[in-house]
Amino acid sequence: MSDPNTSLPSESYFIIVGVPGLQEHYTTLFLIFLILFLATMLGNLLIIVLVSLDPRLHTPMYFFLWNLAVLDVLLTITITPKLLAVFLGHNRISFTGCFLQMYFYVSISASEVFLVGAMAYDRYVAVVKPLHYNTIINTKACLMMTATVWAVGFLIPLVSLILASSVPFCTSNHVLHVVCEYPSVMSLACADVTAQVNFALLIAMGSVWGPFLFVLWSYSRIIVSVVKMKTVESRKKAFYMCSSHMLVVVLYYVSTSMVYIALRVDSIPPNGRIFIGGLNYFLTPLVNPLIYSLRNEKIKAAAQRYFGLKSAFPHSARNTVRVVK
C-alpha cells in the first residue's frame, strides 16, 4: 500500500477520511448523527407499519408512500452505520465493501427519483382524470410501476460501477468523504478514467433530468386543471391532494442542487463540501416521513388508532380535508 506505483489488490481496503479538521468533534457528531439515524428509522418504519396494517391506507398513493419509506430505510442502512463507525475511528472499508456501498447508495437514490416521478403521475391522474382514476391507477398498474422503478433504479448504475471497479487504484487509498462516493473514489485511480466518469455522469444526468421533466409536465397539467375548476373548495381539495408530494419533489431537487453547488463553488472549503454532502444523505429520508405524517390526516388517524400517538399526531376532524383516493 505504501508503493504509489502498485495498484490496490482486490483484498485491499480504503480509508474513509470523514471530515478533516473536525476530528476533535467526532464524539459530538457521532451523537448527532446517531439521533438522526434513529429518528429517520423510526419515522419511516412507522409509515411502513401503518400502511401495512391499516386497510384504509391500502390505496395507490399510500402504496407508493410505503415504497418510498422502504427505500429511505435501505438508504439509511447503507450510509449511516459506516458513517457512525468512522466517527468512532473505524474508518477502514474493504475494496468490495466500498463499491457495494456505492452501488446501493446510487441505486436506491435513482429508484427514489423514479418513484417520485411515479407519484407525480398518480397525482396527475387523480386531479386531471378523477373519474378514470380507479381504472388507470389500478392494482396491476401500481405493481408494474413500482416493479419498473425498482428494476430500472438498480440496473441503470450497474454498468458504470462495474467499469469503475475494474480500474487500477494506486495513488492513495484515502477517500476524502464520509462515504464511498463515486467522484471521491474515482479520483484515486491511477489510470485515465475520463471515459468512465463521463459515462457515469451521462447516466446520472439522464436519471435525474428524465423524471424531473416528467414531474414538471405532470404538475403543469395539474395546475392548468386546477385553474379551470369552478369552485374555491375544489381548488383547495386538489391542492391538498398534491401538497405533500410537491414538498417531497422540492426537497429532492433542492438538496441535490445544494450538493451540486457545493461541489462547484470554490469559496466553499473541502470540509464544507463534505459536510453538506453528508447532511444530504440524511435530509430526504428524515424529512419525508415528517411531511407525510404531519400533513396527512389518514396517517395521523392510523397512528392514533394503532399506537395511540395523539400528542405526536394531533388530529382534528374539523380540519380534515377529504381527498380523492
C-alpha atoms as a PDB file:
ATOM      1  CA  MET A   1       0.000   0.000   0.000  1.00  0.00           C
ATOM      2  CA  SER A   2       2.920   2.246   0.528  1.00  0.00           C
ATOM      3  CA  ASP A   3       4.199   1.848  -3.029  1.00  0.00           C
ATOM      4  CA  PRO A   4       2.398   4.505  -5.099  1.00  0.00           C
ATOM      5  CA  ASN A   5       3.139   2.639  -8.330  1.00  0.00           C
ATOM      6  CA  THR A   6       1.349  -0.517  -7.234  1.00  0.00           C
ATOM      7  CA  SER A   7      -2.387  -0.793  -7.737  1.00  0.00           C
ATOM      8  CA  LEU A   8      -4.627  -1.852  -4.890  1.00  0.00           C
ATOM      9  CA  PRO A   9      -5.296  -5.604  -4.866  1.00  0.00           C
ATOM     10  CA  SER A  10      -8.890  -6.797  -4.581  1.00  0.00           C
ATOM     11  CA  GLU A  11      -8.462  -7.726  -0.920  1.00  0.00           C
ATOM     12  CA  SER A  12      -7.143  -4.261  -0.007  1.00  0.00           C
ATOM     13  CA  TYR A  13      -9.078  -1.565   1.750  1.00  0.00           C
ATOM     14  CA  PHE A  14      -9.904   2.098   1.508  1.00  0.00           C
ATOM     15  CA  ILE A  15      -9.767   4.566   4.380  1.00  0.00           C
ATOM     16  CA  ILE A  16     -12.741   6.905   4.655  1.00  0.00           C
ATOM     17  CA  VAL A  17     -11.253  10.184   5.817  1.00  0.00           C
ATOM     18  CA  GLY A  18     -14.507  11.678   7.100  1.00  0.00           C
ATOM     19  CA  VAL A  19     -14.472  15.428   7.738  1.00  0.00           C
ATOM     20  CA  PRO A  20     -10.864  16.624   8.088  1.00  0.00           C
ATOM     21  CA  GLY A  21     -10.443  19.324  10.689  1.00  0.00           C
ATOM     22  CA  LEU A  22     -13.416  18.199  12.766  1.00  0.00           C
ATOM     23  CA  GLN A  23     -11.839  15.114  14.321  1.00  0.00           C
ATOM     24  CA  GLU A  24     -11.985  16.705  17.769  1.00  0.00           C
ATOM     25  CA  HIS A  25     -15.758  16.955  17.363  1.00  0.00           C
ATOM     26  CA  TYR A  26     -16.293  13.367  16.235  1.00  0.00           C
ATOM     27  CA  THR A  27     -17.920  12.337  19.511  1.00  0.00           C
ATOM     28  CA  THR A  28     -20.463  15.134  19.204  1.00  0.00           C
ATOM     29  CA  LEU A  29     -21.009  14.342  15.530  1.00  0.00           C
ATOM     30  CA  PHE A  30     -21.486  10.680  16.403  1.00  0.00           C
ATOM     31  CA  LEU A  31     -24.262  11.547  18.867  1.00  0.00           C
ATOM     32  CA  ILE A  32     -25.933  13.961  16.430  1.00  0.00           C
ATOM     33  CA  PHE A  33     -25.939  11.510  13.536  1.00  0.00           C
ATOM     34  CA  LEU A  34     -26.983   8.650  15.800  1.00  0.00           C
ATOM     35  CA  ILE A  35     -30.060  10.658  16.817  1.00  0.00           C
ATOM     36  CA  LEU A  36     -30.747  11.467  13.158  1.00  0.00           C
ATOM     37  CA  PHE A  37     -30.360   7.778  12.305  1.00  0.00           C
ATOM     38  CA  LEU A  38     -32.806   6.661  14.997  1.00  0.00           C
ATOM     39  CA  ALA A  39     -35.314   9.381  14.100  1.00  0.00           C
ATOM     40  CA  THR A  40     -35.104   8.507  10.393  1.00  0.00           C
ATOM     41  CA  MET A  41     -35.564   4.799  11.019  1.00  0.00           C
ATOM     42  CA  LEU A  42     -38.432   5.373  13.454  1.00  0.00           C
ATOM     43  CA  GLY A  43     -40.319   7.716  11.132  1.00  0.00           C
ATOM     44  CA  ASN A  44     -40.025   5.525   8.056  1.00  0.00           C
ATOM     45  CA  LEU A  45     -40.692   2.263   9.879  1.00  0.00           C
ATOM     46  CA  LEU A  46     -43.790   3.854  11.405  1.00  0.00           C
ATOM     47  CA  ILE A  47     -45.130   4.631   7.921  1.00  0.00           C
ATOM     48  CA  ILE A  48     -44.268   1.122   6.703  1.00  0.00           C
ATOM     49  CA  VAL A  49     -46.101  -0.477   9.624  1.00  0.00           C
ATOM     50  CA  LEU A  50     -49.143   1.828   9.465  1.00  0.00           C
ATOM     51  CA  VAL A  51     -49.658   1.394   5.715  1.00  0.00           C
ATOM     52  CA  SER A  52     -49.267  -2.373   6.108  1.00  0.00           C
ATOM     53  CA  LEU A  53     -51.728  -2.633   8.998  1.00  0.00           C
ATOM     54  CA  ASP A  54     -54.468  -0.145   8.153  1.00  0.00           C
ATOM     55  CA  PRO A  55     -56.888  -1.239   5.372  1.00  0.00           C
ATOM     56  CA  ARG A  56     -57.873   2.420   4.926  1.00  0.00           C
ATOM     57  CA  LEU A  57     -54.347   3.071   3.644  1.00  0.00           C
ATOM     58  CA  HIS A  58     -54.404   0.281   1.063  1.00  0.00           C
ATOM     59  CA  THR A  59     -54.692   2.714  -1.829  1.00  0.00           C
ATOM     60  CA  PRO A  60     -52.246   3.556  -4.652  1.00  0.00           C
ATOM     61  CA  MET A  61     -50.995   6.779  -3.077  1.00  0.00           C
ATOM     62  CA  TYR A  62     -50.068   5.049   0.182  1.00  0.00           C
ATOM     63  CA  PHE A  63     -48.636   2.075  -1.687  1.00  0.00           C
ATOM     64  CA  PHE A  64     -46.188   4.449  -3.361  1.00  0.00           C
ATOM     65  CA  LEU A  65     -45.533   6.090   0.010  1.00  0.00           C
ATOM     66  CA  TRP A  66     -44.806   2.657   1.512  1.00  0.00           C
ATOM     67  CA  ASN A  67     -42.224   2.016  -1.212  1.00  0.00           C
ATOM     68  CA  LEU A  68     -40.660   5.437  -0.602  1.00  0.00           C
ATOM     69  CA  ALA A  69     -40.332   4.651   3.116  1.00  0.00           C
ATOM     70  CA  VAL A  70     -38.737   1.269   2.333  1.00  0.00           C
ATOM     71  CA  LEU A  71     -36.205   2.941   0.035  1.00  0.00           C
ATOM     72  CA  ASP A  72     -35.439   5.551   2.707  1.00  0.00           C
ATOM     73  CA  VAL A  73     -34.809   2.789   5.256  1.00  0.00           C
ATOM     74  CA  LEU A  74     -32.481   0.972   2.847  1.00  0.00           C
ATOM     75  CA  LEU A  75     -30.638   4.208   2.031  1.00  0.00           C
ATOM     76  CA  THR A  76     -30.170   4.992   5.714  1.00  0.00           C
ATOM     77  CA  ILE A  77     -28.880   1.487   6.456  1.00  0.00           C
ATOM     78  CA  THR A  78     -26.470   1.721   3.520  1.00  0.00           C
ATOM     79  CA  ILE A  79     -24.915   5.009   4.620  1.00  0.00           C
ATOM     80  CA  THR A  80     -25.265   5.580   8.351  1.00  0.00           C
ATOM     81  CA  PRO A  81     -23.730   2.568  10.144  1.00  0.00           C
ATOM     82  CA  LYS A  82     -20.383   3.031   8.376  1.00  0.00           C
ATOM     83  CA  LEU A  83     -20.531   6.793   8.922  1.00  0.00           C
ATOM     84  CA  LEU A  84     -21.032   6.254  12.663  1.00  0.00           C
ATOM     85  CA  ALA A  85     -18.144   3.777  12.638  1.00  0.00           C
ATOM     86  CA  VAL A  86     -15.919   6.412  11.011  1.00  0.00           C
ATOM     87  CA  PHE A  87     -16.740   8.835  13.823  1.00  0.00           C
ATOM     88  CA  LEU A  88     -15.650   6.125  16.273  1.00  0.00           C
ATOM     89  CA  GLY A  89     -12.323   5.676  14.465  1.00  0.00           C
ATOM     90  CA  HIS A  90     -13.200   2.569  12.436  1.00  0.00           C
ATOM     91  CA  ASN A  91     -12.574   4.159   9.068  1.00  0.00           C
ATOM     92  CA  ARG A  92     -11.379   1.179   7.034  1.00  0.00           C
ATOM     93  CA  ILE A  93     -13.626  -0.378   4.407  1.00  0.00           C
ATOM     94  CA  SER A  94     -12.743  -3.192   2.059  1.00  0.00           C
ATOM     95  CA  PHE A  95     -12.463  -2.632  -1.689  1.00  0.00           C
ATOM     96  CA  THR A  96     -15.558  -4.790  -2.234  1.00  0.00           C
ATOM     97  CA  GLY A  97     -17.447  -3.160   0.629  1.00  0.00           C
ATOM     98  CA  CYS A  98     -16.696   0.304  -0.732  1.00  0.00           C
ATOM     99  CA  PHE A  99     -18.094  -0.466  -4.172  1.00  0.00           C
ATOM    100  CA  LEU A 100     -21.093  -2.284  -2.725  1.00  0.00           C
ATOM    101  CA  GLN A 101     -21.905   0.763  -0.601  1.00  0.00           C
ATOM    102  CA  MET A 102     -21.503   2.981  -3.659  1.00  0.00           C
ATOM    103  CA  TYR A 103     -23.734   0.718  -5.773  1.00  0.00           C
ATOM    104  CA  PHE A 104     -26.561   0.512  -3.252  1.00  0.00           C
ATOM    105  CA  TYR A 105     -26.444   4.241  -2.498  1.00  0.00           C
ATOM    106  CA  VAL A 106     -26.611   5.163  -6.194  1.00  0.00           C
ATOM    107  CA  SER A 107     -29.246   2.515  -6.976  1.00  0.00           C
ATOM    108  CA  ILE A 108     -31.532   3.425  -4.085  1.00  0.00           C
ATOM    109  CA  SER A 109     -31.201   7.134  -4.835  1.00  0.00           C
ATOM    110  CA  ALA A 110     -32.049   6.502  -8.509  1.00  0.00           C
ATOM    111  CA  SER A 111     -35.047   4.373  -7.514  1.00  0.00           C
ATOM    112  CA  GLU A 112     -36.321   7.177  -5.281  1.00  0.00           C
ATOM    113  CA  VAL A 113     -36.081   9.702  -8.119  1.00  0.00           C
ATOM    114  CA  PHE A 114     -38.066   7.400 -10.423  1.00  0.00           C
ATOM    115  CA  LEU A 115     -40.589   6.723  -7.649  1.00  0.00           C
ATOM    116  CA  VAL A 116     -41.131  10.461  -7.194  1.00  0.00           C
ATOM    117  CA  GLY A 117     -41.976  10.551 -10.904  1.00  0.00           C
ATOM    118  CA  ALA A 118     -44.449   7.680 -10.499  1.00  0.00           C
ATOM    119  CA  MET A 119     -46.069   9.501  -7.579  1.00  0.00           C
ATOM    120  CA  ALA A 120     -46.366  12.620  -9.746  1.00  0.00           C
ATOM    121  CA  TYR A 121     -48.230  10.564 -12.359  1.00  0.00           C
ATOM    122  CA  ASP A 122     -50.534   9.248  -9.647  1.00  0.00           C
ATOM    123  CA  ARG A 123     -51.374  12.815  -8.553  1.00  0.00           C
ATOM    124  CA  TYR A 124     -51.784  13.884 -12.194  1.00  0.00           C
ATOM    125  CA  VAL A 125     -54.411  11.200 -12.839  1.00  0.00           C
ATOM    126  CA  ALA A 126     -56.141  11.939  -9.512  1.00  0.00           C
ATOM    127  CA  VAL A 127     -56.567  15.638 -10.356  1.00  0.00           C
ATOM    128  CA  VAL A 128     -56.808  15.735 -14.154  1.00  0.00           C
ATOM    129  CA  LYS A 129     -58.711  12.470 -14.714  1.00  0.00           C
ATOM    130  CA  PRO A 130     -60.503  11.765 -11.424  1.00  0.00           C
ATOM    131  CA  LEU A 131     -63.357   9.803 -12.995  1.00  0.00           C
ATOM    132  CA  HIS A 132     -60.891   7.367 -14.573  1.00  0.00           C
ATOM    133  CA  TYR A 133     -58.525   7.174 -11.604  1.00  0.00           C
ATOM    134  CA  ASN A 134     -59.544   3.711 -10.374  1.00  0.00           C
ATOM    135  CA  THR A 135     -59.328   2.354 -13.911  1.00  0.00           C
ATOM    136  CA  ILE A 136     -55.914   3.826 -14.750  1.00  0.00           C
ATOM    137  CA  ILE A 137     -54.207   3.502 -11.351  1.00  0.00           C
ATOM    138  CA  ASN A 138     -55.377   0.001 -10.501  1.00  0.00           C
ATOM    139  CA  THR A 139     -53.534  -2.718  -8.591  1.00  0.00           C
ATOM    140  CA  LYS A 140     -51.839  -4.101 -11.707  1.00  0.00           C
ATOM    141  CA  ALA A 141     -50.674  -0.631 -12.784  1.00  0.00           C
ATOM    142  CA  CYS A 142     -49.276   0.106  -9.312  1.00  0.00           C
ATOM    143  CA  LEU A 143     -47.345  -3.157  -9.217  1.00  0.00           C
ATOM    144  CA  MET A 144     -45.997  -2.607 -12.731  1.00  0.00           C
ATOM    145  CA  MET A 145     -44.882   0.962 -11.977  1.00  0.00           C
ATOM    146  CA  THR A 146     -43.163   0.094  -8.700  1.00  0.00           C
ATOM    147  CA  ALA A 147     -41.505  -3.010 -10.186  1.00  0.00           C
ATOM    148  CA  THR A 148     -40.200  -0.851 -13.043  1.00  0.00           C
ATOM    149  CA  VAL A 149     -38.969   1.789 -10.595  1.00  0.00           C
ATOM    150  CA  TRP A 150     -37.002  -0.754  -8.563  1.00  0.00           C
ATOM    151  CA  ALA A 151     -35.675  -2.644 -11.599  1.00  0.00           C
ATOM    152  CA  VAL A 152     -34.557   0.432 -13.534  1.00  0.00           C
ATOM    153  CA  GLY A 153     -33.106   2.066 -10.423  1.00  0.00           C
ATOM    154  CA  PHE A 154     -30.938  -0.949  -9.611  1.00  0.00           C
ATOM    155  CA  LEU A 155     -29.953  -1.756 -13.207  1.00  0.00           C
ATOM    156  CA  ILE A 156     -29.010   1.716 -14.507  1.00  0.00           C
ATOM    157  CA  PRO A 157     -25.860   2.248 -12.331  1.00  0.00           C
ATOM    158  CA  LEU A 158     -24.673  -1.347 -12.668  1.00  0.00           C
ATOM    159  CA  VAL A 159     -22.549  -0.968 -15.814  1.00  0.00           C
ATOM    160  CA  SER A 160     -20.841   2.277 -14.760  1.00  0.00           C
ATOM    161  CA  LEU A 161     -19.929   0.903 -11.326  1.00  0.00           C
ATOM    162  CA  ILE A 162     -18.648  -2.375 -12.750  1.00  0.00           C
ATOM    163  CA  LEU A 163     -16.412  -0.348 -15.074  1.00  0.00           C
ATOM    164  CA  ALA A 164     -15.288   1.784 -12.128  1.00  0.00           C
ATOM    165  CA  SER A 165     -14.390  -1.240 -10.016  1.00  0.00           C
ATOM    166  CA  SER A 166     -12.119  -2.594 -12.767  1.00  0.00           C
ATOM    167  CA  VAL A 167      -9.757   0.414 -12.921  1.00  0.00           C
ATOM    168  CA  PRO A 168      -6.424   0.305 -11.021  1.00  0.00           C
ATOM    169  CA  PHE A 169      -6.100   2.343  -7.819  1.00  0.00           C
ATOM    170  CA  CYS A 170      -2.562   3.226  -6.854  1.00  0.00           C
ATOM    171  CA  THR A 171      -2.285   6.912  -5.945  1.00  0.00           C
ATOM    172  CA  SER A 172      -3.827   6.607  -2.486  1.00  0.00           C
ATOM    173  CA  ASN A 173      -6.422   4.628  -0.570  1.00  0.00           C
ATOM    174  CA  HIS A 174      -7.820   7.624   1.350  1.00  0.00           C
ATOM    175  CA  VAL A 175     -11.384   8.512   0.303  1.00  0.00           C
ATOM    176  CA  LEU A 176     -11.883  12.202   1.042  1.00  0.00           C
ATOM    177  CA  HIS A 177     -15.519  11.925   2.071  1.00  0.00           C
ATOM    178  CA  VAL A 178     -17.794  10.423   4.720  1.00  0.00           C
ATOM    179  CA  VAL A 179     -18.871   7.583   2.406  1.00  0.00           C
ATOM    180  CA  CYS A 180     -17.582   5.824  -0.700  1.00  0.00           C
ATOM    181  CA  GLU A 181     -18.805   8.492  -3.075  1.00  0.00           C
ATOM    182  CA  TYR A 182     -18.188   7.896  -6.794  1.00  0.00           C
ATOM    183  CA  PRO A 183     -16.158  11.069  -7.628  1.00  0.00           C
ATOM    184  CA  SER A 184     -14.057  10.758  -4.468  1.00  0.00           C
ATOM    185  CA  VAL A 185     -13.195   7.120  -5.155  1.00  0.00           C
ATOM    186  CA  MET A 186     -12.535   7.642  -8.871  1.00  0.00           C
ATOM    187  CA  SER A 187     -10.133  10.485  -8.076  1.00  0.00           C
ATOM    188  CA  LEU A 188      -7.847   7.828  -6.561  1.00  0.00           C
ATOM    189  CA  ALA A 189      -7.461   5.910  -9.834  1.00  0.00           C
ATOM    190  CA  CYS A 190      -4.012   5.869 -11.417  1.00  0.00           C
ATOM    191  CA  ALA A 191      -5.354   5.418 -14.953  1.00  0.00           C
ATOM    192  CA  ASP A 192      -7.269   7.689 -17.285  1.00  0.00           C
ATOM    193  CA  VAL A 193     -10.875   7.325 -16.129  1.00  0.00           C
ATOM    194  CA  THR A 194     -12.319  10.166 -18.206  1.00  0.00           C
ATOM    195  CA  ALA A 195     -14.480   7.793 -20.257  1.00  0.00           C
ATOM    196  CA  GLN A 196     -15.867   6.019 -17.157  1.00  0.00           C
ATOM    197  CA  VAL A 197     -16.579   9.302 -15.360  1.00  0.00           C
ATOM    198  CA  ASN A 198     -18.280  10.858 -18.396  1.00  0.00           C
ATOM    199  CA  PHE A 199     -20.380   7.725 -18.901  1.00  0.00           C
ATOM    200  CA  ALA A 200     -21.439   7.735 -15.242  1.00  0.00           C
ATOM    201  CA  LEU A 201     -22.236  11.462 -15.466  1.00  0.00           C
ATOM    202  CA  LEU A 202     -24.374  10.875 -18.549  1.00  0.00           C
ATOM    203  CA  ILE A 203     -26.297   8.106 -16.776  1.00  0.00           C
ATOM    204  CA  ALA A 204     -26.752  10.271 -13.676  1.00  0.00           C
ATOM    205  CA  MET A 205     -27.976  13.286 -15.649  1.00  0.00           C
ATOM    206  CA  GLY A 206     -30.484  11.150 -17.541  1.00  0.00           C
ATOM    207  CA  SER A 207     -31.702   9.554 -14.308  1.00  0.00           C
ATOM    208  CA  VAL A 208     -32.239  12.956 -12.686  1.00  0.00           C
ATOM    209  CA  TRP A 209     -33.462  15.090 -15.567  1.00  0.00           C
ATOM    210  CA  GLY A 210     -35.782  12.491 -17.111  1.00  0.00           C
ATOM    211  CA  PRO A 211     -38.016  12.158 -14.019  1.00  0.00           C
ATOM    212  CA  PHE A 212     -37.665  15.880 -13.291  1.00  0.00           C
ATOM    213  CA  LEU A 213     -39.012  16.879 -16.702  1.00  0.00           C
ATOM    214  CA  PHE A 214     -41.828  14.356 -16.315  1.00  0.00           C
ATOM    215  CA  VAL A 215     -42.703  15.825 -12.902  1.00  0.00           C
ATOM    216  CA  LEU A 216     -42.724  19.326 -14.400  1.00  0.00           C
ATOM    217  CA  TRP A 217     -45.044  18.136 -17.186  1.00  0.00           C
ATOM    218  CA  SER A 218     -47.350  16.426 -14.677  1.00  0.00           C
ATOM    219  CA  TYR A 219     -47.643  19.469 -12.442  1.00  0.00           C
ATOM    220  CA  SER A 220     -48.090  21.852 -15.357  1.00  0.00           C
ATOM    221  CA  ARG A 221     -51.119  19.787 -16.375  1.00  0.00           C
ATOM    222  CA  ILE A 222     -52.295  19.689 -12.764  1.00  0.00           C
ATOM    223  CA  ILE A 223     -52.014  23.482 -12.415  1.00  0.00           C
ATOM    224  CA  VAL A 224     -53.963  24.033 -15.645  1.00  0.00           C
ATOM    225  CA  SER A 225     -56.656  21.646 -14.435  1.00  0.00           C
ATOM    226  CA  VAL A 226     -56.866  23.296 -11.007  1.00  0.00           C
ATOM    227  CA  VAL A 227     -57.164  26.776 -12.534  1.00  0.00           C
ATOM    228  CA  LYS A 228     -60.123  25.575 -14.582  1.00  0.00           C
ATOM    229  CA  MET A 229     -62.003  24.314 -11.504  1.00  0.00           C
ATOM    230  CA  LYS A 230     -65.106  26.363 -10.832  1.00  0.00           C
ATOM    231  CA  THR A 231     -65.164  26.445  -7.026  1.00  0.00           C
ATOM    232  CA  VAL A 232     -62.590  27.505  -4.464  1.00  0.00           C
ATOM    233  CA  GLU A 233     -63.327  24.364  -2.441  1.00  0.00           C
ATOM    234  CA  SER A 234     -62.419  22.149  -5.405  1.00  0.00           C
ATOM    235  CA  ARG A 235     -59.147  24.018  -5.862  1.00  0.00           C
ATOM    236  CA  LYS A 236     -58.295  23.653  -2.179  1.00  0.00           C
ATOM    237  CA  LYS A 237     -59.050  19.936  -2.309  1.00  0.00           C
ATOM    238  CA  ALA A 238     -56.862  19.446  -5.383  1.00  0.00           C
ATOM    239  CA  PHE A 239     -54.037  21.447  -3.828  1.00  0.00           C
ATOM    240  CA  TYR A 240     -54.262  19.416  -0.614  1.00  0.00           C
ATOM    241  CA  MET A 241     -54.049  16.190  -2.613  1.00  0.00           C
ATOM    242  CA  CYS A 242     -50.745  17.260  -4.189  1.00  0.00           C
ATOM    243  CA  SER A 243     -49.153  19.404  -1.489  1.00  0.00           C
ATOM    244  CA  SER A 244     -47.214  16.655   0.308  1.00  0.00           C
ATOM    245  CA  HIS A 245     -45.821  15.262  -2.913  1.00  0.00           C
ATOM    246  CA  MET A 246     -44.890  18.745  -4.129  1.00  0.00           C
ATOM    247  CA  LEU A 247     -42.925  19.297  -0.924  1.00  0.00           C
ATOM    248  CA  VAL A 248     -41.089  15.999  -1.441  1.00  0.00           C
ATOM    249  CA  VAL A 249     -40.250  16.932  -5.046  1.00  0.00           C
ATOM    250  CA  VAL A 250     -38.916  20.324  -3.958  1.00  0.00           C
ATOM    251  CA  LEU A 251     -36.934  18.670  -1.170  1.00  0.00           C
ATOM    252  CA  TYR A 252     -35.280  16.174  -3.514  1.00  0.00           C
ATOM    253  CA  TYR A 253     -34.200  18.686  -6.101  1.00  0.00           C
ATOM    254  CA  VAL A 254     -33.220  21.436  -3.657  1.00  0.00           C
ATOM    255  CA  SER A 255     -30.994  19.030  -1.720  1.00  0.00           C
ATOM    256  CA  THR A 256     -29.466  17.736  -4.951  1.00  0.00           C
ATOM    257  CA  SER A 257     -28.847  21.311  -6.097  1.00  0.00           C
ATOM    258  CA  MET A 258     -27.143  22.121  -2.786  1.00  0.00           C
ATOM    259  CA  VAL A 259     -24.652  19.300  -3.301  1.00  0.00           C
ATOM    260  CA  TYR A 260     -24.124  20.277  -6.948  1.00  0.00           C
ATOM    261  CA  ILE A 261     -23.415  23.902  -5.973  1.00  0.00           C
ATOM    262  CA  ALA A 262     -21.172  22.882  -3.092  1.00  0.00           C
ATOM    263  CA  LEU A 263     -19.005  20.825  -5.443  1.00  0.00           C
ATOM    264  CA  ARG A 264     -18.501  23.745  -7.804  1.00  0.00           C
ATOM    265  CA  VAL A 265     -18.226  26.845  -5.620  1.00  0.00           C
ATOM    266  CA  ASP A 266     -14.531  27.394  -4.981  1.00  0.00           C
ATOM    267  CA  SER A 267     -15.167  29.562  -1.920  1.00  0.00           C
ATOM    268  CA  ILE A 268     -16.635  26.569  -0.040  1.00  0.00           C
ATOM    269  CA  PRO A 269     -13.761  24.661   1.622  1.00  0.00           C
ATOM    270  CA  PRO A 270     -13.450  20.882   1.192  1.00  0.00           C
ATOM    271  CA  ASN A 271     -14.675  20.315   4.755  1.00  0.00           C
ATOM    272  CA  GLY A 272     -17.820  22.283   3.987  1.00  0.00           C
ATOM    273  CA  ARG A 273     -18.475  20.327   0.811  1.00  0.00           C
ATOM    274  CA  ILE A 274     -18.078  17.010   2.605  1.00  0.00           C
ATOM    275  CA  PHE A 275     -20.347  18.135   5.447  1.00  0.00           C
ATOM    276  CA  ILE A 276     -23.049  19.356   3.022  1.00  0.00           C
ATOM    277  CA  GLY A 277     -22.853  16.060   1.147  1.00  0.00           C
ATOM    278  CA  GLY A 278     -23.115  14.118   4.420  1.00  0.00           C
ATOM    279  CA  LEU A 279     -26.189  16.044   5.535  1.00  0.00           C
ATOM    280  CA  ASN A 280     -27.806  15.430   2.153  1.00  0.00           C
ATOM    281  CA  TYR A 281     -27.703  11.683   2.823  1.00  0.00           C
ATOM    282  CA  PHE A 282     -29.931  12.265   5.859  1.00  0.00           C
ATOM    283  CA  LEU A 283     -32.140  15.103   4.686  1.00  0.00           C
ATOM    284  CA  THR A 284     -34.709  13.394   2.476  1.00  0.00           C
ATOM    285  CA  PRO A 285     -35.043  10.107   4.451  1.00  0.00           C
ATOM    286  CA  LEU A 286     -35.562  12.122   7.641  1.00  0.00           C
ATOM    287  CA  VAL A 287     -37.953  14.749   6.289  1.00  0.00           C
ATOM    288  CA  ASN A 288     -40.095  12.527   4.049  1.00  0.00           C
ATOM    289  CA  PRO A 289     -41.973  10.797   6.900  1.00  0.00           C
ATOM    290  CA  LEU A 290     -42.398  14.153   8.666  1.00  0.00           C
ATOM    291  CA  ILE A 291     -44.040  15.648   5.565  1.00  0.00           C
ATOM    292  CA  TYR A 292     -46.433  12.752   5.123  1.00  0.00           C
ATOM    293  CA  SER A 293     -47.216  12.182   8.809  1.00  0.00           C
ATOM    294  CA  LEU A 294     -47.681  15.777   9.923  1.00  0.00           C
ATOM    295  CA  ARG A 295     -49.671  16.853   6.832  1.00  0.00           C
ATOM    296  CA  ASN A 296     -51.677  13.689   6.188  1.00  0.00           C
ATOM    297  CA  GLU A 297     -54.824  13.182   8.209  1.00  0.00           C
ATOM    298  CA  LYS A 298     -55.138   9.486   7.364  1.00  0.00           C
ATOM    299  CA  ILE A 299     -51.604   8.750   8.558  1.00  0.00           C
ATOM    300  CA  LYS A 300     -52.270  10.682  11.776  1.00  0.00           C
ATOM    301  CA  ALA A 301     -55.550   8.876  12.292  1.00  0.00           C
ATOM    302  CA  ALA A 302     -53.856   5.492  11.758  1.00  0.00           C
ATOM    303  CA  ALA A 303     -51.095   6.416  14.230  1.00  0.00           C
ATOM    304  CA  GLN A 304     -53.736   7.253  16.832  1.00  0.00           C
ATOM    305  CA  ARG A 305     -55.713   4.106  16.056  1.00  0.00           C
ATOM    306  CA  TYR A 306     -52.857   1.626  16.329  1.00  0.00           C
ATOM    307  CA  PHE A 307     -50.368   3.299  18.657  1.00  0.00           C
ATOM    308  CA  GLY A 308     -52.351   5.986  20.477  1.00  0.00           C
ATOM    309  CA  LEU A 309     -49.947   8.723  19.326  1.00  0.00           C
ATOM    310  CA  LYS A 310     -52.393  11.546  19.987  1.00  0.00           C
ATOM    311  CA  SER A 311     -49.840  14.008  21.300  1.00  0.00           C
ATOM    312  CA  ALA A 312     -47.391  13.385  18.456  1.00  0.00           C
ATOM    313  CA  PHE A 313     -50.066  13.411  15.766  1.00  0.00           C
ATOM    314  CA  PRO A 314     -52.887  15.740  16.846  1.00  0.00           C
ATOM    315  CA  HIS A 315     -55.934  15.006  14.721  1.00  0.00           C
ATOM    316  CA  SER A 316     -58.786  17.379  14.212  1.00  0.00           C
ATOM    317  CA  ALA A 317     -61.826  16.220  12.303  1.00  0.00           C
ATOM    318  CA  ARG A 318     -62.736  19.843  11.721  1.00  0.00           C
ATOM    319  CA  ASN A 319     -59.549  20.432   9.720  1.00  0.00           C
ATOM    320  CA  THR A 320     -59.710  17.211   7.785  1.00  0.00           C
ATOM    321  CA  VAL A 321     -59.987  17.594   4.040  1.00  0.00           C
ATOM    322  CA  ARG A 322     -61.266  14.528   2.236  1.00  0.00           C
ATOM    323  CA  VAL A 323     -59.111  13.605  -0.704  1.00  0.00           C
ATOM    324  CA  VAL A 324     -59.772  11.524  -3.769  1.00  0.00           C
ATOM    325  CA  LYS A 325     -58.303   8.053  -3.401  1.00  0.00           C
END
